[in-house]
Amino acid sequence: MIKKSFISVISHEEKEKEKNRGSVAFQILSLTNRIRKLSSHLELHRKDYLSQRGLRKILGKRQRMLSYLSKNNRIRYKELINQLDIRESKTR
C-alpha cells in the first residue's frame, strides 16, 4: 500500500478547527478517508472477510450520517457531497 496515494480529504480550514471534530461533516470526512483506505486494502487482499465486514459497517454509519445531514442542513450536505465526490448527481 502506498500512503501517498491517500490524499487527505480534510480541507485546510477544517484542520484549523481542531475543536470541531465532533461535527457530522468532520465525521463523514474521516469515515470517507477510512473507506478509501479499506477499499484499496481489499483490492490487494480479496479474502479478508473481517475487513469487508468493517467496511460494510463504516459504509452504513456514513450513510446514516449523510441522511441526517441531508435532513438538517441541505446546503452543507450538497457542498460535502460535491467536495468528496461521493454520490452522482441525479438527472431527470
PDB file of N, CA and C in Angstrom:
ATOM      1  N   MET A   1       0.833  -1.182   0.000  1.00  0.00           N
ATOM      2  CA  MET A   1       0.000   0.000   0.000  1.00  0.00           C
ATOM      3  C   MET A   1       0.877   1.244   0.000  1.00  0.00           C
ATOM      4  N   ILE A   2       0.533   2.169  -0.825  1.00  0.00           N
ATOM      5  CA  ILE A   2       1.268   3.413  -0.906  1.00  0.00           C
ATOM      6  C   ILE A   2       0.478   4.474  -0.170  1.00  0.00           C
ATOM      7  N   LYS A   3       1.073   5.037   0.876  1.00  0.00           N
ATOM      8  CA  LYS A   3       0.350   6.008   1.702  1.00  0.00           C
ATOM      9  C   LYS A   3       0.203   7.349   1.002  1.00  0.00           C
ATOM     10  N   LYS A   4       1.079   7.655   0.059  1.00  0.00           N
ATOM     11  CA  LYS A   4       0.999   8.941  -0.608  1.00  0.00           C
ATOM     12  C   LYS A   4      -0.213   9.046  -1.528  1.00  0.00           C
ATOM     13  N   SER A   5      -0.760   7.918  -1.929  1.00  0.00           N
ATOM     14  CA  SER A   5      -1.924   7.956  -2.804  1.00  0.00           C
ATOM     15  C   SER A   5      -3.175   8.395  -2.060  1.00  0.00           C
ATOM     16  N   PHE A   6      -3.151   8.338  -0.724  1.00  0.00           N
ATOM     17  CA  PHE A   6      -4.295   8.778   0.061  1.00  0.00           C
ATOM     18  C   PHE A   6      -4.163  10.264   0.323  1.00  0.00           C
ATOM     19  N   ILE A   7      -4.812  11.015  -0.491  1.00  0.00           N
ATOM     20  CA  ILE A   7      -4.813  12.456  -0.306  1.00  0.00           C
ATOM     21  C   ILE A   7      -5.835  12.771   0.766  1.00  0.00           C
ATOM     22  N   SER A   8      -5.432  13.537   1.719  1.00  0.00           N
ATOM     23  CA  SER A   8      -6.340  13.862   2.815  1.00  0.00           C
ATOM     24  C   SER A   8      -7.519  14.652   2.278  1.00  0.00           C
ATOM     25  N   VAL A   9      -8.725  14.151   2.572  1.00  0.00           N
ATOM     26  CA  VAL A   9      -9.919  14.807   2.069  1.00  0.00           C
ATOM     27  C   VAL A   9     -10.341  15.951   2.976  1.00  0.00           C
ATOM     28  N   ILE A  10      -9.648  16.112   4.086  1.00  0.00           N
ATOM     29  CA  ILE A  10      -9.992  17.180   5.007  1.00  0.00           C
ATOM     30  C   ILE A  10      -9.338  18.462   4.514  1.00  0.00           C
ATOM     31  N   SER A  11     -10.152  19.462   4.304  1.00  0.00           N
ATOM     32  CA  SER A  11      -9.624  20.714   3.792  1.00  0.00           C
ATOM     33  C   SER A  11      -8.774  21.409   4.855  1.00  0.00           C
ATOM     34  N   HIS A  12      -7.989  22.359   4.414  1.00  0.00           N
ATOM     35  CA  HIS A  12      -7.064  23.054   5.316  1.00  0.00           C
ATOM     36  C   HIS A  12      -7.813  23.816   6.396  1.00  0.00           C
ATOM     37  N   GLU A  13      -8.908  24.436   6.048  1.00  0.00           N
ATOM     38  CA  GLU A  13      -9.641  25.204   7.056  1.00  0.00           C
ATOM     39  C   GLU A  13     -10.300  24.285   8.081  1.00  0.00           C
ATOM     40  N   GLU A  14     -10.608  23.060   7.706  1.00  0.00           N
ATOM     41  CA  GLU A  14     -11.172  22.115   8.662  1.00  0.00           C
ATOM     42  C   GLU A  14     -10.085  21.618   9.614  1.00  0.00           C
ATOM     43  N   LYS A  15      -8.842  21.547   9.146  1.00  0.00           N
ATOM     44  CA  LYS A  15      -7.751  21.139  10.025  1.00  0.00           C
ATOM     45  C   LYS A  15      -7.519  22.178  11.108  1.00  0.00           C
ATOM     46  N   GLU A  16      -7.713  23.453  10.757  1.00  0.00           N
ATOM     47  CA  GLU A  16      -7.515  24.510  11.728  1.00  0.00           C
ATOM     48  C   GLU A  16      -8.558  24.452  12.836  1.00  0.00           C
ATOM     49  N   LYS A  17      -9.709  23.923  12.535  1.00  0.00           N
ATOM     50  CA  LYS A  17     -10.784  23.845  13.513  1.00  0.00           C
ATOM     51  C   LYS A  17     -10.693  22.510  14.250  1.00  0.00           C
ATOM     52  N   GLU A  18      -9.650  22.351  15.036  1.00  0.00           N
ATOM     53  CA  GLU A  18      -9.430  21.104  15.754  1.00  0.00           C
ATOM     54  C   GLU A  18     -10.566  20.820  16.726  1.00  0.00           C
ATOM     55  N   LYS A  19     -11.173  21.847  17.257  1.00  0.00           N
ATOM     56  CA  LYS A  19     -12.226  21.655  18.244  1.00  0.00           C
ATOM     57  C   LYS A  19     -13.529  21.169  17.599  1.00  0.00           C
ATOM     58  N   ASN A  20     -13.604  21.177  16.278  1.00  0.00           N
ATOM     59  CA  ASN A  20     -14.834  20.847  15.573  1.00  0.00           C
ATOM     60  C   ASN A  20     -14.856  19.383  15.110  1.00  0.00           C
ATOM     61  N   ARG A  21     -14.141  18.512  15.784  1.00  0.00           N
ATOM     62  CA  ARG A  21     -14.047  17.120  15.355  1.00  0.00           C
ATOM     63  C   ARG A  21     -15.327  16.346  15.588  1.00  0.00           C
ATOM     64  N   GLY A  22     -16.211  16.851  16.405  1.00  0.00           N
ATOM     65  CA  GLY A  22     -17.451  16.148  16.679  1.00  0.00           C
ATOM     66  C   GLY A  22     -18.553  16.458  15.690  1.00  0.00           C
ATOM     67  N   SER A  23     -18.318  17.389  14.786  1.00  0.00           N
ATOM     68  CA  SER A  23     -19.363  17.756  13.838  1.00  0.00           C
ATOM     69  C   SER A  23     -19.621  16.611  12.869  1.00  0.00           C
ATOM     70  N   VAL A  24     -20.822  16.569  12.358  1.00  0.00           N
ATOM     71  CA  VAL A  24     -21.212  15.497  11.446  1.00  0.00           C
ATOM     72  C   VAL A  24     -20.370  15.556  10.179  1.00  0.00           C
ATOM     73  N   ALA A  25     -20.108  16.748   9.683  1.00  0.00           N
ATOM     74  CA  ALA A  25     -19.330  16.887   8.449  1.00  0.00           C
ATOM     75  C   ALA A  25     -17.918  16.336   8.623  1.00  0.00           C
ATOM     76  N   PHE A  26     -17.295  16.637   9.761  1.00  0.00           N
ATOM     77  CA  PHE A  26     -15.947  16.136  10.004  1.00  0.00           C
ATOM     78  C   PHE A  26     -15.944  14.623  10.125  1.00  0.00           C
ATOM     79  N   GLN A  27     -16.959  14.066  10.797  1.00  0.00           N
ATOM     80  CA  GLN A  27     -17.039  12.619  10.943  1.00  0.00           C
ATOM     81  C   GLN A  27     -17.236  11.940   9.594  1.00  0.00           C
ATOM     82  N   ILE A  28     -18.031  12.548   8.720  1.00  0.00           N
ATOM     83  CA  ILE A  28     -18.227  11.991   7.373  1.00  0.00           C
ATOM     84  C   ILE A  28     -16.918  12.034   6.591  1.00  0.00           C
ATOM     85  N   LEU A  29     -16.161  13.122   6.742  1.00  0.00           N
ATOM     86  CA  LEU A  29     -14.870  13.223   6.071  1.00  0.00           C
ATOM     87  C   LEU A  29     -13.917  12.131   6.541  1.00  0.00           C
ATOM     88  N   SER A  30     -13.851  11.910   7.851  1.00  0.00           N
ATOM     89  CA  SER A  30     -12.923  10.900   8.357  1.00  0.00           C
ATOM     90  C   SER A  30     -13.382   9.493   7.978  1.00  0.00           C
ATOM     91  N   LEU A  31     -14.700   9.240   7.977  1.00  0.00           N
ATOM     92  CA  LEU A  31     -15.191   7.928   7.552  1.00  0.00           C
ATOM     93  C   LEU A  31     -14.896   7.684   6.079  1.00  0.00           C
ATOM     94  N   THR A  32     -15.010   8.727   5.265  1.00  0.00           N
ATOM     95  CA  THR A  32     -14.720   8.581   3.838  1.00  0.00           C
ATOM     96  C   THR A  32     -13.253   8.240   3.619  1.00  0.00           C
ATOM     97  N   ASN A  33     -12.386   8.851   4.398  1.00  0.00           N
ATOM     98  CA  ASN A  33     -10.959   8.548   4.294  1.00  0.00           C
ATOM     99  C   ASN A  33     -10.692   7.097   4.680  1.00  0.00           C
ATOM    100  N   ARG A  34     -11.335   6.626   5.750  1.00  0.00           N
ATOM    101  CA  ARG A  34     -11.176   5.232   6.175  1.00  0.00           C
ATOM    102  C   ARG A  34     -11.732   4.271   5.133  1.00  0.00           C
ATOM    103  N   ILE A  35     -12.847   4.640   4.502  1.00  0.00           N
ATOM    104  CA  ILE A  35     -13.449   3.793   3.468  1.00  0.00           C
ATOM    105  C   ILE A  35     -12.506   3.655   2.282  1.00  0.00           C
ATOM    106  N   ARG A  36     -11.881   4.747   1.895  1.00  0.00           N
ATOM    107  CA  ARG A  36     -10.957   4.689   0.761  1.00  0.00           C
ATOM    108  C   ARG A  36      -9.735   3.839   1.081  1.00  0.00           C
ATOM    109  N   LYS A  37      -9.236   3.924   2.309  1.00  0.00           N
ATOM    110  CA  LYS A  37      -8.093   3.101   2.703  1.00  0.00           C
ATOM    111  C   LYS A  37      -8.464   1.623   2.718  1.00  0.00           C
ATOM    112  N   LEU A  38      -9.629   1.313   3.290  1.00  0.00           N
ATOM    113  CA  LEU A  38     -10.056  -0.085   3.341  1.00  0.00           C
ATOM    114  C   LEU A  38     -10.330  -0.635   1.946  1.00  0.00           C
ATOM    115  N   SER A  39     -10.866   0.185   1.072  1.00  0.00           N
ATOM    116  CA  SER A  39     -11.144  -0.279  -0.295  1.00  0.00           C
ATOM    117  C   SER A  39      -9.861  -0.653  -1.017  1.00  0.00           C
ATOM    118  N   SER A  40      -8.832   0.159  -0.858  1.00  0.00           N
ATOM    119  CA  SER A  40      -7.571  -0.168  -1.516  1.00  0.00           C
ATOM    120  C   SER A  40      -6.936  -1.398  -0.871  1.00  0.00           C
ATOM    121  N   HIS A  41      -7.120  -1.570   0.436  1.00  0.00           N
ATOM    122  CA  HIS A  41      -6.609  -2.761   1.114  1.00  0.00           C
ATOM    123  C   HIS A  41      -7.308  -4.007   0.574  1.00  0.00           C
ATOM    124  N   LEU A  42      -8.604  -3.902   0.358  1.00  0.00           N
ATOM    125  CA  LEU A  42      -9.359  -5.062  -0.109  1.00  0.00           C
ATOM    126  C   LEU A  42      -9.089  -5.395  -1.570  1.00  0.00           C
ATOM    127  N   GLU A  43      -8.564  -4.443  -2.330  1.00  0.00           N
ATOM    128  CA  GLU A  43      -8.160  -4.760  -3.693  1.00  0.00           C
ATOM    129  C   GLU A  43      -6.975  -5.724  -3.688  1.00  0.00           C
ATOM    130  N   LEU A  44      -6.104  -5.583  -2.701  1.00  0.00           N
ATOM    131  CA  LEU A  44      -4.951  -6.475  -2.592  1.00  0.00           C
ATOM    132  C   LEU A  44      -5.313  -7.783  -1.903  1.00  0.00           C
ATOM    133  N   HIS A  45      -6.144  -7.719  -0.871  1.00  0.00           N
ATOM    134  CA  HIS A  45      -6.485  -8.878  -0.050  1.00  0.00           C
ATOM    135  C   HIS A  45      -7.978  -9.152  -0.187  1.00  0.00           C
ATOM    136  N   ARG A  46      -8.336  -9.879  -1.233  1.00  0.00           N
ATOM    137  CA  ARG A  46      -9.745 -10.103  -1.558  1.00  0.00           C
ATOM    138  C   ARG A  46     -10.459 -10.982  -0.545  1.00  0.00           C
ATOM    139  N   LYS A  47      -9.761 -11.835   0.151  1.00  0.00           N
ATOM    140  CA  LYS A  47     -10.413 -12.773   1.059  1.00  0.00           C
ATOM    141  C   LYS A  47     -10.345 -12.328   2.516  1.00  0.00           C
ATOM    142  N   ASP A  48     -10.067 -11.089   2.763  1.00  0.00           N
ATOM    143  CA  ASP A  48     -10.030 -10.560   4.120  1.00  0.00           C
ATOM    144  C   ASP A  48     -11.458 -10.212   4.536  1.00  0.00           C
ATOM    145  N   TYR A  49     -12.154 -11.203   5.050  1.00  0.00           N
ATOM    146  CA  TYR A  49     -13.574 -11.048   5.313  1.00  0.00           C
ATOM    147  C   TYR A  49     -13.850 -10.134   6.504  1.00  0.00           C
ATOM    148  N   LEU A  50     -12.947 -10.081   7.460  1.00  0.00           N
ATOM    149  CA  LEU A  50     -13.160  -9.179   8.595  1.00  0.00           C
ATOM    150  C   LEU A  50     -13.065  -7.716   8.154  1.00  0.00           C
ATOM    151  N   SER A  51     -12.161  -7.444   7.251  1.00  0.00           N
ATOM    152  CA  SER A  51     -12.075  -6.078   6.724  1.00  0.00           C
ATOM    153  C   SER A  51     -13.299  -5.739   5.882  1.00  0.00           C
ATOM    154  N   GLN A  52     -13.821  -6.732   5.170  1.00  0.00           N
ATOM    155  CA  GLN A  52     -15.044  -6.498   4.400  1.00  0.00           C
ATOM    156  C   GLN A  52     -16.201  -6.152   5.320  1.00  0.00           C
ATOM    157  N   ARG A  53     -16.290  -6.852   6.434  1.00  0.00           N
ATOM    158  CA  ARG A  53     -17.347  -6.582   7.404  1.00  0.00           C
ATOM    159  C   ARG A  53     -17.189  -5.190   7.991  1.00  0.00           C
ATOM    160  N   GLY A  54     -15.945  -4.827   8.328  1.00  0.00           N
ATOM    161  CA  GLY A  54     -15.685  -3.493   8.855  1.00  0.00           C
ATOM    162  C   GLY A  54     -16.039  -2.409   7.853  1.00  0.00           C
ATOM    163  N   LEU A  55     -15.747  -2.671   6.585  1.00  0.00           N
ATOM    164  CA  LEU A  55     -16.072  -1.713   5.534  1.00  0.00           C
ATOM    165  C   LEU A  55     -17.578  -1.521   5.425  1.00  0.00           C
ATOM    166  N   ARG A  56     -18.330  -2.625   5.495  1.00  0.00           N
ATOM    167  CA  ARG A  56     -19.791  -2.517   5.432  1.00  0.00           C
ATOM    168  C   ARG A  56     -20.346  -1.739   6.612  1.00  0.00           C
ATOM    169  N   LYS A  57     -19.754  -1.929   7.795  1.00  0.00           N
ATOM    170  CA  LYS A  57     -20.218  -1.195   8.972  1.00  0.00           C
ATOM    171  C   LYS A  57     -19.938   0.301   8.829  1.00  0.00           C
ATOM    172  N   ILE A  58     -18.753   0.634   8.328  1.00  0.00           N
ATOM    173  CA  ILE A  58     -18.391   2.037   8.141  1.00  0.00           C
ATOM    174  C   ILE A  58     -19.280   2.677   7.078  1.00  0.00           C
ATOM    175  N   LEU A  59     -19.561   1.937   5.998  1.00  0.00           N
ATOM    176  CA  LEU A  59     -20.438   2.460   4.954  1.00  0.00           C
ATOM    177  C   LEU A  59     -21.833   2.748   5.492  1.00  0.00           C
ATOM    178  N   GLY A  60     -22.347   1.855   6.340  1.00  0.00           N
ATOM    179  CA  GLY A  60     -23.658   2.067   6.932  1.00  0.00           C
ATOM    180  C   GLY A  60     -23.690   3.269   7.850  1.00  0.00           C
ATOM    181  N   LYS A  61     -22.628   3.435   8.624  1.00  0.00           N
ATOM    182  CA  LYS A  61     -22.558   4.580   9.532  1.00  0.00           C
ATOM    183  C   LYS A  61     -22.498   5.889   8.741  1.00  0.00           C
ATOM    184  N   ARG A  62     -21.691   5.899   7.668  1.00  0.00           N
ATOM    185  CA  ARG A  62     -21.602   7.111   6.850  1.00  0.00           C
ATOM    186  C   ARG A  62     -22.934   7.406   6.164  1.00  0.00           C
ATOM    187  N   GLN A  63     -23.623   6.360   5.727  1.00  0.00           N
ATOM    188  CA  GLN A  63     -24.919   6.551   5.083  1.00  0.00           C
ATOM    189  C   GLN A  63     -25.929   7.159   6.056  1.00  0.00           C
ATOM    190  N   ARG A  64     -25.932   6.680   7.298  1.00  0.00           N
ATOM    191  CA  ARG A  64     -26.840   7.238   8.301  1.00  0.00           C
ATOM    192  C   ARG A  64     -26.500   8.693   8.607  1.00  0.00           C
ATOM    193  N   MET A  65     -25.215   9.005   8.688  1.00  0.00           N
ATOM    194  CA  MET A  65     -24.808  10.388   8.957  1.00  0.00           C
ATOM    195  C   MET A  65     -25.161  11.302   7.789  1.00  0.00           C
ATOM    196  N   LEU A  66     -24.996  10.807   6.559  1.00  0.00           N
ATOM    197  CA  LEU A  66     -25.350  11.616   5.389  1.00  0.00           C
ATOM    198  C   LEU A  66     -26.847  11.876   5.334  1.00  0.00           C
ATOM    199  N   SER A  67     -27.653  10.883   5.691  1.00  0.00           N
ATOM    200  CA  SER A  67     -29.098  11.111   5.682  1.00  0.00           C
ATOM    201  C   SER A  67     -29.484  12.112   6.767  1.00  0.00           C
ATOM    202  N   TYR A  68     -28.824  12.042   7.922  1.00  0.00           N
ATOM    203  CA  TYR A  68     -29.070  13.014   8.991  1.00  0.00           C
ATOM    204  C   TYR A  68     -28.700  14.420   8.531  1.00  0.00           C
ATOM    205  N   LEU A  69     -27.550  14.539   7.890  1.00  0.00           N
ATOM    206  CA  LEU A  69     -27.097  15.851   7.424  1.00  0.00           C
ATOM    207  C   LEU A  69     -28.011  16.395   6.335  1.00  0.00           C
ATOM    208  N   SER A  70     -28.507  15.525   5.462  1.00  0.00           N
ATOM    209  CA  SER A  70     -29.387  15.991   4.384  1.00  0.00           C
ATOM    210  C   SER A  70     -30.719  16.487   4.943  1.00  0.00           C
ATOM    211  N   LYS A  71     -31.165  15.907   6.045  1.00  0.00           N
ATOM    212  CA  LYS A  71     -32.414  16.359   6.656  1.00  0.00           C
ATOM    213  C   LYS A  71     -32.248  17.680   7.385  1.00  0.00           C
ATOM    214  N   ASN A  72     -31.101  17.871   8.041  1.00  0.00           N
ATOM    215  CA  ASN A  72     -30.917  19.045   8.894  1.00  0.00           C
ATOM    216  C   ASN A  72     -30.264  20.228   8.200  1.00  0.00           C
ATOM    217  N   ASN A  73     -29.307  19.975   7.319  1.00  0.00           N
ATOM    218  CA  ASN A  73     -28.573  21.074   6.686  1.00  0.00           C
ATOM    219  C   ASN A  73     -28.328  20.702   5.225  1.00  0.00           C
ATOM    220  N   ARG A  74     -29.294  20.984   4.388  1.00  0.00           N
ATOM    221  CA  ARG A  74     -29.250  20.563   2.980  1.00  0.00           C
ATOM    222  C   ARG A  74     -28.097  21.226   2.217  1.00  0.00           C
ATOM    223  N   ILE A  75     -27.809  22.473   2.524  1.00  0.00           N
ATOM    224  CA  ILE A  75     -26.750  23.195   1.811  1.00  0.00           C
ATOM    225  C   ILE A  75     -25.382  22.575   2.117  1.00  0.00           C
ATOM    226  N   ARG A  76     -25.109  22.330   3.398  1.00  0.00           N
ATOM    227  CA  ARG A  76     -23.830  21.733   3.794  1.00  0.00           C
ATOM    228  C   ARG A  76     -23.709  20.313   3.226  1.00  0.00           C
ATOM    229  N   TYR A  77     -24.839  19.608   3.164  1.00  0.00           N
ATOM    230  CA  TYR A  77     -24.856  18.258   2.592  1.00  0.00           C
ATOM    231  C   TYR A  77     -24.418  18.285   1.131  1.00  0.00           C
ATOM    232  N   LYS A  78     -24.980  19.199   0.354  1.00  0.00           N
ATOM    233  CA  LYS A  78     -24.627  19.277  -1.067  1.00  0.00           C
ATOM    234  C   LYS A  78     -23.170  19.678  -1.260  1.00  0.00           C
ATOM    235  N   GLU A  79     -22.680  20.595  -0.421  1.00  0.00           N
ATOM    236  CA  GLU A  79     -21.278  21.002  -0.507  1.00  0.00           C
ATOM    237  C   GLU A  79     -20.353  19.818  -0.208  1.00  0.00           C
ATOM    238  N   LEU A  80     -20.723  19.053   0.815  1.00  0.00           N
ATOM    239  CA  LEU A  80     -19.898  17.921   1.217  1.00  0.00           C
ATOM    240  C   LEU A  80     -19.890  16.833   0.153  1.00  0.00           C
ATOM    241  N   ILE A  81     -21.037  16.569  -0.443  1.00  0.00           N
ATOM    242  CA  ILE A  81     -21.134  15.561  -1.496  1.00  0.00           C
ATOM    243  C   ILE A  81     -20.273  15.965  -2.692  1.00  0.00           C
ATOM    244  N   ASN A  82     -20.326  17.229  -3.063  1.00  0.00           N
ATOM    245  CA  ASN A  82     -19.509  17.701  -4.186  1.00  0.00           C
ATOM    246  C   ASN A  82     -18.027  17.669  -3.851  1.00  0.00           C
ATOM    247  N   GLN A  83     -17.678  18.032  -2.613  1.00  0.00           N
ATOM    248  CA  GLN A  83     -16.275  18.069  -2.206  1.00  0.00           C
ATOM    249  C   GLN A  83     -15.667  16.671  -2.191  1.00  0.00           C
ATOM    250  N   LEU A  84     -16.423  15.706  -1.670  1.00  0.00           N
ATOM    251  CA  LEU A  84     -15.894  14.349  -1.545  1.00  0.00           C
ATOM    252  C   LEU A  84     -16.113  13.515  -2.792  1.00  0.00           C
ATOM    253  N   ASP A  85     -16.977  13.987  -3.676  1.00  0.00           N
ATOM    254  CA  ASP A  85     -17.320  13.261  -4.903  1.00  0.00           C
ATOM    255  C   ASP A  85     -17.821  11.851  -4.570  1.00  0.00           C
ATOM    256  N   ILE A  86     -18.795  11.803  -3.650  1.00  0.00           N
ATOM    257  CA  ILE A  86     -19.307  10.529  -3.174  1.00  0.00           C
ATOM    258  C   ILE A  86     -20.430  10.021  -4.065  1.00  0.00           C
ATOM    259  N   ARG A  87     -21.453  10.806  -4.251  1.00  0.00           N
ATOM    260  CA  ARG A  87     -22.631  10.356  -4.966  1.00  0.00           C
ATOM    261  C   ARG A  87     -22.753  11.087  -6.289  1.00  0.00           C
ATOM    262  N   GLU A  88     -23.364  10.405  -7.234  1.00  0.00           N
ATOM    263  CA  GLU A  88     -23.576  11.019  -8.528  1.00  0.00           C
ATOM    264  C   GLU A  88     -24.822  11.894  -8.449  1.00  0.00           C
ATOM    265  N   SER A  89     -24.794  12.989  -9.163  1.00  0.00           N
ATOM    266  CA  SER A  89     -25.957  13.866  -9.161  1.00  0.00           C
ATOM    267  C   SER A  89     -27.067  13.211  -9.974  1.00  0.00           C
ATOM    268  N   LYS A  90     -28.267  13.303  -9.448  1.00  0.00           N
ATOM    269  CA  LYS A  90     -29.413  12.689 -10.124  1.00  0.00           C
ATOM    270  C   LYS A  90     -29.942  13.631 -11.187  1.00  0.00           C
ATOM    271  N   THR A  91     -30.002  13.143 -12.407  1.00  0.00           N
ATOM    272  CA  THR A  91     -30.562  13.943 -13.502  1.00  0.00           C
ATOM    273  C   THR A  91     -31.844  13.298 -13.957  1.00  0.00           C
ATOM    274  N   ARG A  92     -32.868  14.090 -14.105  1.00  0.00           N
ATOM    275  CA  ARG A  92     -34.169  13.571 -14.528  1.00  0.00           C
ATOM    276  C   ARG A  92     -34.555  14.114 -15.863  1.00  0.00           C
TER     277      ARG A  92
END
